């Protein structure tokens, strides 16, 4: 189960990075301030945060995991 959580976390972090890259590449075009480009940014940030949470909770980090 830990390996599945780690895999999901890594996939979400990578998806977030891709989403942020899409936001950066579309931020200089005519439709820069629309909902489509802002959703890339928001979804990218959320995917990175959730992916990091999955990754940290699925790894063995003794003292860090005992705090939560």
C-alpha atoms as a PDB file:
ATOM      1  CA  UNK A   1       0.000   0.000   0.000  1.00  0.00           C
ATOM      2  CA  UNK A   2       2.898   2.305   0.695  1.00  0.00           C
ATOM      3  CA  UNK A   3       4.261   1.760  -2.795  1.00  0.00           C
ATOM      4  CA  UNK A   4       0.906   2.660  -4.318  1.00  0.00           C
ATOM      5  CA  UNK A   5       0.775   5.852  -2.234  1.00  0.00           C
ATOM      6  CA  UNK A   6       4.301   6.730  -3.285  1.00  0.00           C
ATOM      7  CA  UNK A   7       3.451   6.140  -6.944  1.00  0.00           C
ATOM      8  CA  UNK A   8       0.315   8.283  -6.698  1.00  0.00           C
ATOM      9  CA  UNK A   9       2.303  11.022  -4.979  1.00  0.00           C
ATOM     10  CA  UNK A  10       5.003  11.052  -7.641  1.00  0.00           C
ATOM     11  CA  UNK A  11       2.428  11.104 -10.443  1.00  0.00           C
ATOM     12  CA  UNK A  12       0.586  14.016  -8.822  1.00  0.00           C
ATOM     13  CA  UNK A  13       3.782  16.012  -8.334  1.00  0.00           C
ATOM     14  CA  UNK A  14       4.765  15.468 -11.960  1.00  0.00           C
ATOM     15  CA  UNK A  15       1.247  16.379 -13.137  1.00  0.00           C
ATOM     16  CA  UNK A  16       1.446  19.544 -11.066  1.00  0.00           C
ATOM     17  CA  UNK A  17       4.773  20.471 -12.614  1.00  0.00           C
ATOM     18  CA  UNK A  18       3.352  19.911 -16.103  1.00  0.00           C
ATOM     19  CA  UNK A  19       0.311  21.995 -15.227  1.00  0.00           C
ATOM     20  CA  UNK A  20       2.500  24.837 -13.966  1.00  0.00           C
ATOM     21  CA  UNK A  21       4.543  24.641 -17.167  1.00  0.00           C
ATOM     22  CA  UNK A  22       1.332  24.912 -19.183  1.00  0.00           C
ATOM     23  CA  UNK A  23       0.379  27.976 -17.146  1.00  0.00           C
ATOM     24  CA  UNK A  24       3.747  29.594 -17.824  1.00  0.00           C
ATOM     25  CA  UNK A  25       3.568  28.921 -21.565  1.00  0.00           C
ATOM     26  CA  UNK A  26      -0.007  30.233 -21.890  1.00  0.00           C
ATOM     27  CA  UNK A  27       0.407  33.281 -19.660  1.00  0.00           C
ATOM     28  CA  UNK A  28       1.850  35.401 -22.483  1.00  0.00           C
ATOM     29  CA  UNK A  29      -0.964  34.928 -24.977  1.00  0.00           C
ATOM     30  CA  UNK A  30      -4.067  36.985 -25.690  1.00  0.00           C
ATOM     31  CA  UNK A  31      -6.297  34.908 -23.394  1.00  0.00           C
ATOM     32  CA  UNK A  32      -3.861  35.185 -20.472  1.00  0.00           C
ATOM     33  CA  UNK A  33      -6.319  36.385 -17.821  1.00  0.00           C
ATOM     34  CA  UNK A  34      -9.068  33.875 -18.449  1.00  0.00           C
ATOM     35  CA  UNK A  35     -10.325  31.036 -16.330  1.00  0.00           C
ATOM     36  CA  UNK A  36      -8.516  28.455 -18.465  1.00  0.00           C
ATOM     37  CA  UNK A  37      -5.023  29.740 -17.706  1.00  0.00           C
ATOM     38  CA  UNK A  38      -5.774  30.400 -14.037  1.00  0.00           C
ATOM     39  CA  UNK A  39      -7.086  26.865 -13.626  1.00  0.00           C
ATOM     40  CA  UNK A  40      -3.714  25.519 -14.802  1.00  0.00           C
ATOM     41  CA  UNK A  41      -2.067  27.417 -11.962  1.00  0.00           C
ATOM     42  CA  UNK A  42      -4.555  26.402  -9.271  1.00  0.00           C
ATOM     43  CA  UNK A  43      -4.701  22.747 -10.311  1.00  0.00           C
ATOM     44  CA  UNK A  44      -0.923  22.625 -10.562  1.00  0.00           C
ATOM     45  CA  UNK A  45      -0.449  23.955  -7.039  1.00  0.00           C
ATOM     46  CA  UNK A  46      -3.064  21.586  -5.622  1.00  0.00           C
ATOM     47  CA  UNK A  47      -1.581  18.589  -7.432  1.00  0.00           C
ATOM     48  CA  UNK A  48       1.903  19.394  -6.147  1.00  0.00           C
ATOM     49  CA  UNK A  49       0.712  19.830  -2.548  1.00  0.00           C
ATOM     50  CA  UNK A  50      -1.409  16.662  -2.543  1.00  0.00           C
ATOM     51  CA  UNK A  51       1.377  14.738  -4.286  1.00  0.00           C
ATOM     52  CA  UNK A  52       3.903  15.827  -1.679  1.00  0.00           C
ATOM     53  CA  UNK A  53       1.528  14.791   1.107  1.00  0.00           C
ATOM     54  CA  UNK A  54       1.099  11.330  -0.460  1.00  0.00           C
ATOM     55  CA  UNK A  55       4.855  11.005  -0.961  1.00  0.00           C
ATOM     56  CA  UNK A  56       5.778  12.025   2.580  1.00  0.00           C
ATOM     57  CA  UNK A  57       3.171   9.843   4.249  1.00  0.00           C
ATOM     58  CA  UNK A  58       4.149   6.770   2.244  1.00  0.00           C
ATOM     59  CA  UNK A  59       7.871   6.962   2.978  1.00  0.00           C
ATOM     60  CA  UNK A  60       9.578   5.904   6.183  1.00  0.00           C
ATOM     61  CA  UNK A  61      10.526   9.114   7.928  1.00  0.00           C
ATOM     62  CA  UNK A  62      10.439   8.084  11.589  1.00  0.00           C
ATOM     63  CA  UNK A  63      10.370  11.258  13.661  1.00  0.00           C
ATOM     64  CA  UNK A  64       8.521  13.246  11.025  1.00  0.00           C
ATOM     65  CA  UNK A  65       5.670  10.722  10.832  1.00  0.00           C
ATOM     66  CA  UNK A  66       5.411  10.514  14.648  1.00  0.00           C
ATOM     67  CA  UNK A  67       4.614  14.217  14.840  1.00  0.00           C
ATOM     68  CA  UNK A  68       1.468  13.832  12.767  1.00  0.00           C
END
